[in-house]
Amino acid sequence: MTSTSYQSKHRFGIFELIQQRARRKEKMESAKPTKGAGGRKGGERKKAVSRSVKAGLQFPVGRIARFLKAGRYAQRTGTGAPIYLAAVLEYLAAEVLELAGNAARDNKKNRINPRHLLLAVRNDEELGKLLKGVTIANGGVLPNINPVLLPKKSNPEKSSTPKSPKKA
């Protein structure tokens, strides 16, 4: 008797257990977010944030890192090196563009051309030293007249007396 009651209880218990598991599974699936790529837990993937955005730069940190690696300047490259280099390049570009924009405004132009770049670089002491041996195409030269070639200024006393006598 005990064996029959055990079997009937056991069969009923298995059936009930299967139903409970099915109910749990439905609850889990409805509440469970979809599986992420690569076996990650969680549903939606975070939006990628570039290193340029993290550093607050406009210049591409990732591209500069790639160029540093491809250029074989060193066997190893630190993580801060491309960020620092991007910041320096961005600063130099901003400096040159600001000075060139001022030169364009002085010439009453809205657009920066190579002449304005040359005037900006050559009139700035530090940028001129940095880009000393650089030729800017279509930039021309700085306006410069040697003082020896300029006409001599005469004294005001002598200018009142005529150089040649008047004919009467």
Protein backbone atom coordinates (compact mmCIF):
# COMPACT_ATOMS: atom_id res chain seq x y z
CA MET A 1 0.00 0.00 0.00
CA THR A 2 2.72 2.29 0.78
CA SER A 3 4.33 1.67 -2.59
CA THR A 4 1.15 2.51 -4.56
CA SER A 5 0.52 5.66 -2.61
CA TYR A 6 4.15 6.64 -3.08
CA GLN A 7 3.89 6.11 -6.84
CA SER A 8 0.68 8.11 -7.13
CA LYS A 9 2.11 10.93 -5.03
CA HIS A 10 5.34 10.81 -6.98
CA ARG A 11 3.55 11.02 -10.37
CA PHE A 12 1.43 13.90 -9.15
CA GLY A 13 4.49 15.60 -7.70
CA ILE A 14 6.36 15.40 -11.01
CA PHE A 15 3.42 16.81 -12.93
CA GLU A 16 3.07 19.66 -10.45
CA LEU A 17 6.82 20.28 -10.53
CA ILE A 18 6.78 20.53 -14.34
CA GLN A 19 3.96 23.07 -14.19
CA GLN A 20 5.77 25.14 -11.56
CA ARG A 21 8.94 25.17 -13.65
CA ALA A 22 6.97 26.22 -16.74
CA ARG A 23 5.38 29.09 -14.81
CA ARG A 24 8.77 30.21 -13.46
CA LYS A 25 10.27 30.04 -16.92
CA GLU A 26 7.49 32.25 -18.34
CA LYS A 27 8.04 34.81 -15.57
CA MET A 28 11.79 34.83 -16.14
CA GLU A 29 11.44 35.23 -19.90
CA SER A 30 9.03 38.13 -19.58
CA ALA A 31 11.23 39.95 -17.03
CA LYS A 32 14.59 38.84 -18.45
CA PRO A 33 16.29 41.28 -20.84
CA THR A 34 17.63 39.94 -24.10
CA LYS A 35 21.12 38.55 -24.03
CA GLY A 36 23.92 40.83 -25.18
CA ALA A 37 26.60 40.03 -27.73
CA GLY A 38 29.54 37.89 -26.67
CA GLY A 39 27.68 36.32 -23.77
CA ARG A 40 27.31 39.58 -21.88
CA LYS A 41 24.41 39.91 -19.51
CA GLY A 42 21.98 42.72 -19.97
CA GLY A 43 19.94 43.79 -22.91
CA GLU A 44 20.81 47.03 -24.52
CA ARG A 45 24.41 47.84 -25.25
CA LYS A 46 25.86 51.11 -23.99
CA LYS A 47 26.56 53.71 -26.63
CA ALA A 48 30.25 53.83 -27.55
CA VAL A 49 32.11 56.94 -26.38
CA SER A 50 35.25 57.80 -28.32
CA ARG A 51 38.50 58.73 -26.64
CA SER A 52 38.31 62.15 -28.29
CA VAL A 53 34.98 62.82 -26.57
CA LYS A 54 36.34 61.55 -23.24
CA ALA A 55 39.34 63.86 -23.56
CA GLY A 56 37.20 66.78 -24.75
CA LEU A 57 39.09 67.11 -28.04
CA GLN A 58 38.09 67.63 -31.67
CA PHE A 59 41.14 65.88 -33.11
CA PRO A 60 40.83 62.07 -33.53
CA VAL A 61 42.69 60.32 -30.72
CA GLY A 62 42.09 56.85 -32.17
CA ARG A 63 43.47 57.77 -35.57
CA ILE A 64 46.56 59.36 -34.03
CA ALA A 65 47.08 56.22 -31.94
CA ARG A 66 46.86 54.11 -35.08
CA PHE A 67 49.40 56.33 -36.87
CA LEU A 68 51.75 56.17 -33.88
CA LYS A 69 51.61 52.38 -33.95
CA ALA A 70 51.92 52.08 -37.72
CA GLY A 71 54.79 54.57 -37.85
CA ARG A 72 56.93 52.37 -35.57
CA TYR A 73 58.27 55.40 -33.69
CA ALA A 74 58.69 53.16 -30.66
CA GLN A 75 58.15 49.50 -29.81
CA ARG A 76 55.43 50.40 -27.34
CA THR A 77 53.04 53.32 -27.12
CA GLY A 78 51.41 54.48 -23.89
CA THR A 79 47.69 55.12 -23.67
CA GLY A 80 48.21 58.80 -22.87
CA ALA A 81 50.55 59.51 -25.79
CA PRO A 82 47.94 59.85 -28.57
CA ILE A 83 45.72 61.96 -26.31
CA TYR A 84 48.56 64.34 -25.51
CA LEU A 85 49.63 64.54 -29.15
CA ALA A 86 46.05 65.18 -30.29
CA ALA A 87 45.74 68.00 -27.74
CA VAL A 88 48.99 69.61 -28.89
CA LEU A 89 48.01 69.38 -32.57
CA GLU A 90 44.57 70.79 -31.84
CA TYR A 91 46.09 73.72 -29.95
CA LEU A 92 48.53 74.50 -32.78
CA ALA A 93 45.77 74.31 -35.39
CA ALA A 94 43.52 76.61 -33.33
CA GLU A 95 46.35 79.10 -32.85
CA VAL A 96 47.23 79.23 -36.56
CA LEU A 97 43.56 79.47 -37.59
CA GLU A 98 42.90 82.29 -35.14
CA LEU A 99 45.85 84.33 -36.40
CA ALA A 100 45.02 83.58 -40.04
CA GLY A 101 41.40 84.63 -39.41
CA ASN A 102 42.63 87.91 -37.97
CA ALA A 103 44.85 88.42 -41.04
CA ALA A 104 41.89 87.72 -43.33
CA ARG A 105 39.72 90.20 -41.42
CA ASP A 106 42.49 92.82 -41.69
CA ASN A 107 42.42 92.34 -45.48
CA LYS A 108 38.58 92.57 -45.44
CA LYS A 109 38.11 88.96 -46.54
CA ASN A 110 35.73 86.34 -45.17
CA ARG A 111 37.79 83.36 -46.29
CA ILE A 112 41.26 82.30 -45.16
CA ASN A 113 43.66 81.72 -48.06
CA PRO A 114 47.34 80.67 -48.11
CA ARG A 115 48.47 84.30 -48.02
CA HIS A 116 46.67 84.81 -44.71
CA LEU A 117 48.27 81.65 -43.32
CA LEU A 118 51.72 82.89 -44.31
CA LEU A 119 51.12 86.33 -42.79
CA ALA A 120 49.86 84.73 -39.57
CA VAL A 121 52.80 82.35 -39.23
CA ARG A 122 55.56 84.79 -40.18
CA ASN A 123 54.26 87.66 -38.03
CA ASP A 124 54.09 85.47 -34.91
CA GLU A 125 57.50 85.01 -33.28
CA GLU A 126 56.99 81.49 -31.89
CA LEU A 127 55.13 80.08 -34.90
CA GLY A 128 57.72 81.67 -37.18
CA LYS A 129 60.47 79.89 -35.27
CA LEU A 130 58.57 76.57 -35.41
CA LEU A 131 57.86 76.83 -39.15
CA LYS A 132 61.10 78.53 -40.14
CA GLY A 133 62.03 76.26 -43.03
CA VAL A 134 58.48 75.71 -44.27
CA THR A 135 57.32 77.04 -47.63
CA ILE A 136 53.59 77.77 -47.89
CA ALA A 137 52.43 77.40 -51.50
CA ASN A 138 50.81 80.57 -52.92
CA GLY A 139 51.70 82.38 -49.70
CA GLY A 140 54.01 84.99 -51.17
CA VAL A 141 56.48 86.85 -48.96
CA LEU A 142 56.23 89.31 -46.11
CA PRO A 143 56.10 92.92 -47.27
CA ASN A 144 59.56 94.25 -46.45
CA ILE A 145 61.52 97.19 -47.85
CA ASN A 146 65.08 97.72 -46.71
CA PRO A 147 65.33 101.14 -44.96
CA VAL A 148 68.39 102.03 -47.06
CA LEU A 149 66.24 101.99 -50.17
CA LEU A 150 63.64 104.37 -48.75
CA PRO A 151 63.94 108.09 -49.66
CA LYS A 152 65.76 110.17 -47.08
CA LYS A 153 63.68 112.45 -44.92
CA SER A 154 64.77 116.06 -45.24
CA ASN A 155 64.91 118.56 -42.36
CA PRO A 156 61.93 120.97 -42.12
CA GLU A 157 64.24 124.07 -42.13
CA LYS A 158 65.82 123.21 -45.43
CA SER A 159 62.55 122.25 -47.05
CA SER A 160 61.23 125.84 -46.76
CA THR A 161 64.12 127.23 -48.90
CA PRO A 162 63.95 126.25 -52.56
CA LYS A 163 66.68 124.08 -53.95
CA SER A 164 66.95 125.97 -57.18
CA PRO A 165 66.65 129.72 -57.58
CA LYS A 166 63.45 131.02 -59.10
CA LYS A 167 63.66 132.45 -62.53
CA ALA A 168 62.36 135.95 -62.73
